[in-house]
């Protein structure tokens, strides 16, 4: 087991410690597993809501005139079907057909995309994507994971909780956010992205 000093930490790690989280190594990260126990927290998510720190996930930005062509080559879904603000569950494949990783891909603007990849595979995924990008001259690829924090909010009261913290002027935009869509919002005078995505089900 790696020592705590050698593990990556999310931006909220000190907050987790102060709240009494049970911390444990997860891949190369020191992550909170639970606060009051798995059963109690499972019930909270099913009946009310739960907030999860998933800042260990990887974020890769894909931009440029050839971004669409590049993504059509390396992922298994039809990226051309994505409208701005849309997302899709997809995967990276080896030429032999084996799966490198599954991911969620978002179209942020006309020629700008965000790939959210699995935490333990971020370095491997980015290396492979960079190798494939060499034949695309009009393309920018960036592993931006160090500049992101990511929280997952789940449960039947999730929407009400978000409404209490976002700007009042954006409440209607939040209500209109459909499954597998992403949009920018303001929280405490900061801009953030809210995505209604996931594959663990919703009520």
Protein backbone atom coordinates (compact mmCIF):
# COMPACT_ATOMS: atom_id res chain seq x y z
CA UNK A 1 0.00 0.00 0.00
CA UNK A 2 1.35 3.41 -0.94
CA UNK A 3 2.08 5.96 1.76
CA UNK A 4 -0.36 8.89 1.92
CA UNK A 5 2.39 11.33 0.91
CA UNK A 6 2.87 9.48 -2.39
CA UNK A 7 -0.82 9.51 -3.35
CA UNK A 8 -2.60 12.13 -5.43
CA UNK A 9 -5.21 14.15 -3.59
CA UNK A 10 -8.37 15.93 -4.66
CA UNK A 11 -8.74 19.69 -4.01
CA UNK A 12 -11.22 18.83 -1.23
CA UNK A 13 -9.03 16.42 0.70
CA UNK A 14 -8.60 18.68 3.76
CA UNK A 15 -12.37 19.19 3.90
CA UNK A 16 -12.87 15.43 3.84
CA UNK A 17 -10.43 15.04 6.73
CA UNK A 18 -12.10 17.75 8.80
CA UNK A 19 -15.49 16.08 8.33
CA UNK A 20 -14.17 12.73 9.50
CA UNK A 21 -14.18 10.79 6.22
CA UNK A 22 -12.63 7.35 6.10
CA UNK A 23 -9.82 7.74 3.56
CA UNK A 24 -8.21 4.91 1.63
CA UNK A 25 -5.97 4.50 -1.43
CA UNK A 26 -7.87 4.11 -4.70
CA UNK A 27 -5.49 3.61 -7.60
CA UNK A 28 -2.97 6.42 -7.24
CA UNK A 29 -5.35 8.58 -5.21
CA UNK A 30 -6.24 9.07 -1.56
CA UNK A 31 -10.04 9.04 -1.64
CA UNK A 32 -12.90 9.29 0.89
CA UNK A 33 -14.85 6.02 1.04
CA UNK A 34 -17.56 6.96 3.52
CA UNK A 35 -18.38 9.12 6.53
CA UNK A 36 -21.07 7.36 8.56
CA UNK A 37 -21.13 3.94 6.91
CA UNK A 38 -22.03 2.43 3.56
CA UNK A 39 -25.60 1.38 4.43
CA UNK A 40 -26.58 4.74 5.91
CA UNK A 41 -25.11 6.65 2.97
CA UNK A 42 -26.68 4.31 0.43
CA UNK A 43 -30.08 4.96 2.04
CA UNK A 44 -29.43 8.72 1.96
CA UNK A 45 -28.78 8.63 -1.80
CA UNK A 46 -31.83 6.46 -2.49
CA UNK A 47 -34.21 8.58 -0.40
CA UNK A 48 -32.63 12.05 -0.37
CA UNK A 49 -29.26 12.83 -1.94
CA UNK A 50 -25.53 12.28 -1.69
CA UNK A 51 -22.51 14.27 -2.87
CA UNK A 52 -19.44 12.41 -4.10
CA UNK A 53 -15.98 13.81 -4.74
CA UNK A 54 -14.91 12.33 -8.09
CA UNK A 55 -12.13 14.81 -8.79
CA UNK A 56 -9.83 11.90 -9.58
CA UNK A 57 -11.58 11.47 -12.93
CA UNK A 58 -9.62 12.64 -15.97
CA UNK A 59 -10.56 15.53 -18.28
CA UNK A 60 -9.15 15.82 -21.79
CA UNK A 61 -9.93 18.83 -23.99
CA UNK A 62 -10.12 18.29 -27.75
CA UNK A 63 -10.28 21.42 -29.91
CA UNK A 64 -9.77 22.58 -33.48
CA UNK A 65 -11.01 22.24 -37.04
CA UNK A 66 -10.30 18.51 -37.05
CA UNK A 67 -11.68 17.74 -33.61
CA UNK A 68 -14.78 16.01 -35.00
CA UNK A 69 -12.82 13.93 -37.52
CA UNK A 70 -10.37 12.91 -34.81
CA UNK A 71 -13.10 11.83 -32.41
CA UNK A 72 -14.95 9.96 -35.15
CA UNK A 73 -11.77 7.95 -35.67
CA UNK A 74 -10.95 7.09 -32.06
CA UNK A 75 -14.39 6.57 -30.44
CA UNK A 76 -17.15 4.06 -31.17
CA UNK A 77 -20.16 6.40 -31.15
CA UNK A 78 -21.26 8.86 -33.87
CA UNK A 79 -19.89 12.17 -32.61
CA UNK A 80 -21.53 14.09 -35.47
CA UNK A 81 -24.90 13.51 -33.76
CA UNK A 82 -23.86 15.64 -30.79
CA UNK A 83 -25.41 19.10 -30.65
CA UNK A 84 -23.60 21.77 -28.63
CA UNK A 85 -24.24 20.92 -24.99
CA UNK A 86 -24.78 17.25 -25.76
CA UNK A 87 -22.97 14.24 -24.35
CA UNK A 88 -22.64 10.58 -25.19
CA UNK A 89 -21.36 7.45 -23.53
CA UNK A 90 -18.67 5.94 -25.72
CA UNK A 91 -15.34 4.10 -25.69
CA UNK A 92 -11.80 4.10 -27.07
CA UNK A 93 -10.85 0.99 -29.02
CA UNK A 94 -7.62 -0.63 -30.12
CA UNK A 95 -7.31 -1.38 -33.86
CA UNK A 96 -7.90 -5.03 -32.92
CA UNK A 97 -11.23 -4.12 -31.32
CA UNK A 98 -10.19 -4.40 -27.68
CA UNK A 99 -11.46 -1.70 -25.34
CA UNK A 100 -8.94 0.82 -24.01
CA UNK A 101 -11.43 2.65 -21.83
CA UNK A 102 -15.04 3.81 -21.66
CA UNK A 103 -15.73 7.52 -21.29
CA UNK A 104 -18.31 10.29 -21.60
CA UNK A 105 -17.76 12.80 -24.38
CA UNK A 106 -19.31 16.28 -24.33
CA UNK A 107 -19.53 18.86 -27.11
CA UNK A 108 -18.91 22.20 -25.38
CA UNK A 109 -18.96 24.43 -28.48
CA UNK A 110 -18.64 24.21 -32.26
CA UNK A 111 -15.09 22.83 -32.30
CA UNK A 112 -14.45 22.11 -28.63
CA UNK A 113 -15.07 18.79 -26.85
CA UNK A 114 -14.46 17.44 -23.35
CA UNK A 115 -13.68 13.78 -22.71
CA UNK A 116 -14.21 12.56 -19.15
CA UNK A 117 -12.12 9.40 -18.70
CA UNK A 118 -11.69 6.97 -15.85
CA UNK A 119 -9.28 8.02 -13.13
CA UNK A 120 -6.91 5.05 -13.23
CA UNK A 121 -6.67 5.26 -17.03
CA UNK A 122 -6.15 9.00 -17.55
CA UNK A 123 -2.43 8.83 -18.31
CA UNK A 124 -2.80 5.76 -20.53
CA UNK A 125 -5.81 7.19 -22.39
CA UNK A 126 -4.15 10.54 -23.02
CA UNK A 127 -0.95 8.88 -24.27
CA UNK A 128 -2.93 6.76 -26.74
CA UNK A 129 -5.05 9.72 -27.87
CA UNK A 130 -1.90 11.79 -28.40
CA UNK A 131 -0.41 9.07 -30.59
CA UNK A 132 -3.56 9.01 -32.74
CA UNK A 133 -3.61 12.83 -32.94
CA UNK A 134 -0.24 13.04 -34.72
CA UNK A 135 -1.87 12.72 -38.14
CA UNK A 136 -4.27 15.63 -37.46
CA UNK A 137 -2.63 19.00 -38.09
CA UNK A 138 -5.59 21.18 -37.07
CA UNK A 139 -6.12 19.69 -33.65
CA UNK A 140 -5.32 20.65 -30.06
CA UNK A 141 -5.28 17.96 -27.38
CA UNK A 142 -4.75 18.73 -23.69
CA UNK A 143 -4.88 16.70 -20.50
CA UNK A 144 -6.49 19.35 -18.28
CA UNK A 145 -7.21 17.07 -15.32
CA UNK A 146 -5.07 18.99 -12.81
CA UNK A 147 -7.20 22.09 -13.32
CA UNK A 148 -10.52 20.40 -12.57
CA UNK A 149 -12.51 19.40 -9.52
CA UNK A 150 -15.55 17.21 -10.10
CA UNK A 151 -18.49 16.46 -7.83
CA UNK A 152 -21.28 13.95 -8.44
CA UNK A 153 -24.68 14.72 -6.93
CA UNK A 154 -27.18 11.85 -6.81
CA UNK A 155 -30.60 11.23 -5.34
CA UNK A 156 -34.23 12.37 -5.70
CA UNK A 157 -33.54 15.73 -4.01
CA UNK A 158 -30.52 16.58 -6.20
CA UNK A 159 -32.37 19.09 -8.34
CA UNK A 160 -33.71 21.00 -5.34
CA UNK A 161 -30.23 21.16 -3.81
CA UNK A 162 -28.75 22.61 -6.99
CA UNK A 163 -31.51 25.20 -7.26
CA UNK A 164 -30.55 26.53 -3.83
CA UNK A 165 -26.93 27.26 -4.79
CA UNK A 166 -26.97 28.42 -8.42
CA UNK A 167 -27.88 31.95 -9.52
CA UNK A 168 -31.66 32.59 -9.46
CA UNK A 169 -31.51 33.75 -13.07
CA UNK A 170 -30.35 30.29 -14.15
CA UNK A 171 -33.04 28.22 -12.44
CA UNK A 172 -35.02 27.76 -15.64
CA UNK A 173 -31.91 26.68 -17.54
CA UNK A 174 -31.28 24.04 -14.89
CA UNK A 175 -34.85 22.73 -15.19
CA UNK A 176 -34.46 22.39 -18.97
CA UNK A 177 -31.21 20.42 -18.72
CA UNK A 178 -32.03 17.00 -20.17
CA UNK A 179 -30.32 13.68 -19.61
CA UNK A 180 -26.84 13.55 -21.21
CA UNK A 181 -26.64 17.33 -21.57
CA UNK A 182 -24.08 19.77 -20.17
CA UNK A 183 -24.19 23.54 -19.69
CA UNK A 184 -22.34 26.34 -17.88
CA UNK A 185 -23.75 27.88 -14.69
CA UNK A 186 -22.63 30.36 -12.05
CA UNK A 187 -22.07 29.34 -8.44
CA UNK A 188 -20.62 31.74 -5.85
CA UNK A 189 -19.52 34.04 -8.68
CA UNK A 190 -17.63 31.19 -10.32
CA UNK A 191 -18.44 29.55 -13.63
CA UNK A 192 -18.88 25.79 -13.61
CA UNK A 193 -20.26 23.05 -15.81
CA UNK A 194 -23.25 21.00 -14.74
CA UNK A 195 -23.89 17.78 -16.63
CA UNK A 196 -26.93 15.57 -16.18
CA UNK A 197 -25.07 12.39 -16.97
CA UNK A 198 -24.27 9.08 -15.37
CA UNK A 199 -25.30 5.46 -15.69
CA UNK A 200 -26.32 4.44 -12.19
CA UNK A 201 -29.95 5.46 -12.78
CA UNK A 202 -32.05 8.43 -11.70
CA UNK A 203 -35.52 8.93 -10.27
